[in-house]
Amino acid sequence: MVVLRGRASWPRFTAAPHRSFTCLPLRASRVIRVFPRPLIFVNHIAATPNATANPPRRLIVAITGATGAIYGVRMLDMLRRVGGVETHLLVSAAGWLNIQHELALGKDDLHARADVVHAVRDVGATIASGSFATDGMIVAPCSMKTLASVAHGLSDNLIARAADVTLKERRRLVLLVRETPFNLAHLRNMTAVTEMGGVIFPPLPAFYNQPASIDDMVDHTVARVLDLFALGPALARAWQGLGGAAE
């Protein structure tokens, strides 16, 4: 018990029975004997039962209503071959139209290629929150409507919301924009997304690797996109130069 000499209205304090020291206030007649408690540091961060030191690698793949649905489908196929990456799939209504028209692929066949499938209207899904860790998001192909939604922060569906979360959490967002020719609105929206930290990646085929088929061109683009996420060894073959052949 702390002994206080002076005014009776002073509060009384309890302390642990440790060694004491004497504090002399301005008036020497008032002697306060204090028994200090040892300092105790408490970690207020509660550990959750499912917390892990290294969360799994996750990528969000969205397919929207531009031509080139093969890019999104092949993205899932290549990620499955790479392994070690949990894929989250989103497909817009117009994206489904293109998948059926261009690839004649059913929903069950496409869903089987992903680990998790989200409904576009499910804005309460895990990927709608920045607390759900991912390595980033790929929109392949990316329609001009989706580009505009991302550029202006219009989170009116889960695709736009997940892209917005990816940007605000400073994660990698890659948009395979598919339109030609571009008008000024398209160009300004691409500039806005680039200024926010996103990557505009038009799926333009390369010919220096001498592709023999459409599949070769698609696979090269998909590999280049996935290499942006550093998932492991490079998927796209590195350019070795012309070896002076142009001299």
Protein backbone atom coordinates (compact mmCIF):
# COMPACT_ATOMS: atom_id res chain seq x y z
CA MET A 1 0.00 0.00 0.00
CA VAL A 2 1.24 3.51 -0.86
CA VAL A 3 1.55 5.82 2.12
CA LEU A 4 0.48 9.38 1.45
CA ARG A 5 1.09 12.16 3.90
CA GLY A 6 -0.82 15.33 3.25
CA ARG A 7 -4.31 16.02 2.10
CA ALA A 8 -6.81 13.36 2.97
CA SER A 9 -8.48 13.77 -0.40
CA TRP A 10 -5.46 12.47 -2.28
CA PRO A 11 -6.15 9.11 -4.00
CA ARG A 12 -4.74 5.91 -2.61
CA PHE A 13 -2.84 3.56 -4.91
CA THR A 14 -1.98 -0.10 -4.60
CA ALA A 15 1.23 -1.60 -5.85
CA ALA A 16 3.07 -4.88 -5.82
CA PRO A 17 5.38 -5.52 -2.84
CA HIS A 18 8.67 -4.75 -4.61
CA ARG A 19 11.57 -2.57 -3.51
CA SER A 20 10.62 1.08 -2.94
CA PHE A 21 12.18 4.44 -3.58
CA THR A 22 11.36 7.86 -2.13
CA CYS A 23 10.16 10.81 -4.18
CA LEU A 24 10.55 14.23 -2.63
CA PRO A 25 8.02 16.71 -3.98
CA LEU A 26 8.32 20.48 -3.76
CA ARG A 27 7.39 20.43 -0.04
CA ALA A 28 9.67 18.16 1.93
CA SER A 29 6.96 17.58 4.53
CA ARG A 30 5.04 15.51 2.01
CA VAL A 31 6.82 12.23 1.44
CA ILE A 32 5.38 9.79 -1.08
CA ARG A 33 6.65 6.24 -0.92
CA VAL A 34 6.08 4.42 -4.22
CA PHE A 35 6.37 0.72 -4.94
CA PRO A 36 6.82 0.43 -8.73
CA ARG A 37 5.34 -2.46 -10.68
CA PRO A 38 7.47 -4.29 -13.24
CA LEU A 39 6.74 -3.34 -16.86
CA ILE A 40 4.64 -5.83 -18.80
CA PHE A 41 4.38 -5.60 -22.59
CA VAL A 42 1.26 -7.11 -24.11
CA ASN A 43 0.97 -8.05 -27.76
CA HIS A 44 -2.52 -6.92 -28.77
CA ILE A 45 -2.38 -8.62 -32.20
CA ALA A 46 -4.58 -11.66 -31.86
CA ALA A 47 -3.40 -14.75 -33.69
CA THR A 48 -6.08 -16.38 -35.78
CA PRO A 49 -6.31 -20.18 -35.91
CA ASN A 50 -5.89 -20.21 -39.70
CA ALA A 51 -3.00 -17.75 -39.85
CA THR A 52 0.08 -18.99 -41.67
CA ALA A 53 3.55 -17.55 -41.95
CA ASN A 54 3.46 -17.78 -45.73
CA PRO A 55 -0.01 -17.35 -47.27
CA PRO A 56 -0.59 -19.28 -50.51
CA ARG A 57 0.15 -17.60 -53.80
CA ARG A 58 -3.08 -16.46 -55.42
CA LEU A 59 -3.95 -14.89 -58.75
CA ILE A 60 -7.28 -13.50 -59.90
CA VAL A 61 -8.13 -14.12 -63.55
CA ALA A 62 -11.08 -12.27 -65.09
CA ILE A 63 -12.52 -12.80 -68.57
CA THR A 64 -14.61 -9.93 -69.91
CA GLY A 65 -16.56 -9.20 -73.08
CA ALA A 66 -13.82 -8.45 -75.58
CA THR A 67 -12.68 -10.83 -78.28
CA GLY A 68 -9.77 -13.04 -77.28
CA ALA A 69 -11.32 -15.27 -74.61
CA ILE A 70 -8.57 -17.78 -75.40
CA TYR A 71 -6.11 -15.60 -73.45
CA GLY A 72 -8.00 -15.97 -70.19
CA VAL A 73 -8.59 -19.70 -70.68
CA ARG A 74 -4.96 -20.34 -71.62
CA MET A 75 -3.90 -18.29 -68.57
CA LEU A 76 -5.70 -20.78 -66.32
CA ASP A 77 -4.19 -23.73 -68.19
CA MET A 78 -0.64 -22.41 -67.87
CA LEU A 79 -1.09 -21.57 -64.19
CA ARG A 80 -2.28 -25.11 -63.58
CA ARG A 81 0.88 -26.44 -65.25
CA VAL A 82 3.09 -24.09 -63.24
CA GLY A 83 1.48 -25.25 -59.98
CA GLY A 84 1.59 -23.67 -56.55
CA VAL A 85 -0.83 -20.87 -57.43
CA GLU A 86 -4.45 -20.72 -56.28
CA THR A 87 -6.54 -19.31 -59.13
CA HIS A 88 -9.71 -17.25 -58.64
CA LEU A 89 -11.89 -16.96 -61.74
CA LEU A 90 -14.38 -14.27 -62.74
CA VAL A 91 -16.33 -14.20 -66.01
CA SER A 92 -18.67 -11.40 -67.05
CA ALA A 93 -21.91 -12.05 -68.92
CA ALA A 94 -20.41 -10.76 -72.17
CA GLY A 95 -17.31 -12.81 -71.44
CA TRP A 96 -19.44 -15.96 -71.43
CA LEU A 97 -20.90 -15.03 -74.80
CA ASN A 98 -17.42 -14.81 -76.31
CA ILE A 99 -16.26 -18.03 -74.67
CA GLN A 100 -19.17 -19.92 -76.16
CA HIS A 101 -18.85 -18.26 -79.57
CA GLU A 102 -15.06 -18.35 -79.96
CA LEU A 103 -14.18 -21.55 -78.09
CA ALA A 104 -17.43 -23.54 -77.80
CA LEU A 105 -16.46 -24.13 -74.17
CA GLY A 106 -19.05 -24.93 -71.50
CA LYS A 107 -19.15 -23.51 -67.99
CA ASP A 108 -18.24 -26.81 -66.36
CA ASP A 109 -15.17 -27.17 -68.57
CA LEU A 110 -14.00 -23.67 -67.76
CA HIS A 111 -14.75 -23.85 -64.04
CA ALA A 112 -12.71 -27.05 -63.79
CA ARG A 113 -9.63 -25.06 -64.80
CA ALA A 114 -9.83 -22.77 -61.73
CA ASP A 115 -9.48 -23.43 -58.02
CA VAL A 116 -12.16 -20.92 -57.00
CA VAL A 117 -14.98 -19.48 -59.12
CA HIS A 118 -16.74 -16.27 -58.06
CA ALA A 119 -20.01 -14.82 -59.30
CA VAL A 120 -19.55 -11.38 -60.82
CA ARG A 121 -22.36 -9.94 -58.67
CA ASP A 122 -20.92 -11.33 -55.42
CA VAL A 123 -19.35 -8.13 -54.11
CA GLY A 124 -19.06 -9.78 -50.70
CA ALA A 125 -16.56 -12.37 -51.94
CA THR A 126 -13.12 -12.79 -50.41
CA ILE A 127 -11.35 -11.03 -53.27
CA ALA A 128 -13.45 -7.90 -52.67
CA SER A 129 -11.35 -7.14 -49.59
CA GLY A 130 -7.74 -6.05 -49.43
CA SER A 131 -7.25 -8.20 -46.32
CA PHE A 132 -7.46 -11.26 -48.57
CA ALA A 133 -3.91 -11.50 -49.84
CA THR A 134 -3.29 -12.14 -53.53
CA ASP A 135 -0.35 -11.70 -55.86
CA GLY A 136 -2.47 -9.63 -58.19
CA MET A 137 -5.04 -9.78 -60.95
CA ILE A 138 -5.14 -10.37 -64.71
CA VAL A 139 -8.05 -9.30 -66.91
CA ALA A 140 -7.76 -11.27 -70.14
CA PRO A 141 -9.23 -10.04 -72.34
CA CYS A 142 -10.18 -6.64 -70.95
CA SER A 143 -13.12 -4.88 -72.57
CA MET A 144 -13.26 -1.10 -72.88
CA LYS A 145 -16.14 -1.05 -70.41
CA THR A 146 -14.06 -2.84 -67.79
CA LEU A 147 -11.11 -0.57 -68.56
CA ALA A 148 -13.32 2.49 -68.02
CA SER A 149 -14.67 1.10 -64.74
CA VAL A 150 -11.16 0.50 -63.43
CA ALA A 151 -9.89 3.88 -64.63
CA HIS A 152 -12.70 5.73 -62.85
CA GLY A 153 -12.97 3.56 -59.73
CA LEU A 154 -16.48 2.33 -60.50
CA SER A 155 -16.72 -0.85 -58.43
CA ASP A 156 -20.12 -1.81 -59.80
CA ASN A 157 -19.34 -5.54 -59.94
CA LEU A 158 -16.80 -7.95 -58.49
CA ILE A 159 -14.43 -7.66 -61.47
CA ALA A 160 -14.14 -3.89 -61.10
CA ARG A 161 -14.04 -4.14 -57.30
CA ALA A 162 -11.28 -6.76 -57.31
CA ALA A 163 -9.28 -4.61 -59.73
CA ASP A 164 -9.80 -1.58 -57.50
CA VAL A 165 -8.62 -3.56 -54.46
CA THR A 166 -5.58 -4.75 -56.39
CA LEU A 167 -4.60 -1.16 -57.17
CA LYS A 168 -5.24 0.22 -53.70
CA GLU A 169 -3.20 -2.56 -52.10
CA ARG A 170 -0.33 -1.82 -54.54
CA ARG A 171 -0.52 -5.26 -56.12
CA ARG A 172 0.07 -6.12 -59.77
CA LEU A 173 -2.88 -5.48 -62.09
CA VAL A 174 -2.49 -6.46 -65.76
CA LEU A 175 -5.14 -5.57 -68.33
CA LEU A 176 -5.02 -7.29 -71.73
CA VAL A 177 -7.00 -4.56 -73.45
CA ARG A 178 -8.61 -5.73 -76.70
CA GLU A 179 -9.94 -3.13 -79.09
CA THR A 180 -8.86 -1.59 -82.38
CA PRO A 181 -8.59 1.19 -83.28
CA PHE A 182 -8.54 3.10 -79.98
CA ASN A 183 -10.45 6.32 -79.51
CA LEU A 184 -9.39 9.13 -77.20
CA ALA A 185 -11.49 7.84 -74.29
CA HIS A 186 -9.74 4.46 -74.52
CA LEU A 187 -6.29 6.07 -74.57
CA ARG A 188 -7.06 8.35 -71.63
CA ASN A 189 -8.43 5.45 -69.60
CA MET A 190 -5.29 3.42 -70.31
CA THR A 191 -3.19 6.39 -69.23
CA ALA A 192 -5.19 6.70 -66.00
CA VAL A 193 -4.74 3.03 -65.13
CA THR A 194 -1.02 3.27 -65.88
CA GLU A 195 -0.71 6.30 -63.59
CA MET A 196 -2.42 4.27 -60.85
CA GLY A 197 0.20 1.54 -61.15
CA GLY A 198 -1.61 -0.87 -63.44
CA VAL A 199 -0.03 -2.52 -66.48
CA ILE A 200 -1.65 -2.11 -69.89
CA PHE A 201 -0.72 -5.21 -71.87
CA PRO A 202 -2.36 -5.37 -75.32
CA PRO A 203 -2.09 -8.99 -76.50
CA LEU A 204 -0.05 -8.12 -79.58
CA PRO A 205 1.64 -11.18 -81.10
CA ALA A 206 5.42 -11.31 -81.43
CA PHE A 207 7.00 -12.67 -84.59
CA TYR A 208 10.70 -12.65 -83.65
CA ASN A 209 10.22 -16.10 -82.11
CA GLN A 210 8.85 -17.34 -85.44
CA PRO A 211 5.50 -18.75 -84.24
CA ALA A 212 4.15 -21.67 -86.24
CA SER A 213 0.53 -21.41 -85.08
CA ILE A 214 -2.02 -19.26 -83.31
CA ASP A 215 -1.41 -21.37 -80.21
CA ASP A 216 2.26 -20.37 -80.29
CA MET A 217 1.34 -16.67 -80.38
CA VAL A 218 -1.21 -17.03 -77.58
CA ASP A 219 1.15 -19.04 -75.38
CA HIS A 220 3.95 -16.50 -75.83
CA THR A 221 1.70 -13.64 -74.73
CA VAL A 222 0.35 -15.60 -71.76
CA ALA A 223 3.87 -16.55 -70.67
CA ARG A 224 5.01 -12.93 -70.89
CA VAL A 225 2.08 -11.85 -68.71
CA LEU A 226 2.69 -14.50 -66.05
CA ASP A 227 6.40 -13.68 -65.95
CA LEU A 228 5.39 -10.24 -64.63
CA PHE A 229 4.33 -11.97 -61.40
CA ALA A 230 7.66 -13.77 -60.87
CA LEU A 231 6.01 -17.11 -60.12
CA GLY A 232 9.25 -19.01 -60.68
CA PRO A 233 11.56 -19.65 -63.61
CA ALA A 234 10.72 -17.57 -66.67
CA LEU A 235 7.98 -19.09 -68.82
CA ALA A 236 8.77 -17.11 -71.96
CA ARG A 237 12.01 -17.92 -73.73
CA ALA A 238 14.45 -15.03 -73.39
CA TRP A 239 15.51 -13.21 -76.53
CA GLN A 240 19.10 -14.13 -77.40
CA GLY A 241 19.69 -11.36 -79.92
CA LEU A 242 20.29 -11.47 -83.64
CA GLY A 243 23.98 -12.25 -83.27
CA GLY A 244 25.03 -9.45 -85.59
CA ALA A 245 22.99 -10.80 -88.48
CA ALA A 246 21.79 -7.30 -89.37
CA GLU A 247 25.31 -5.93 -89.94
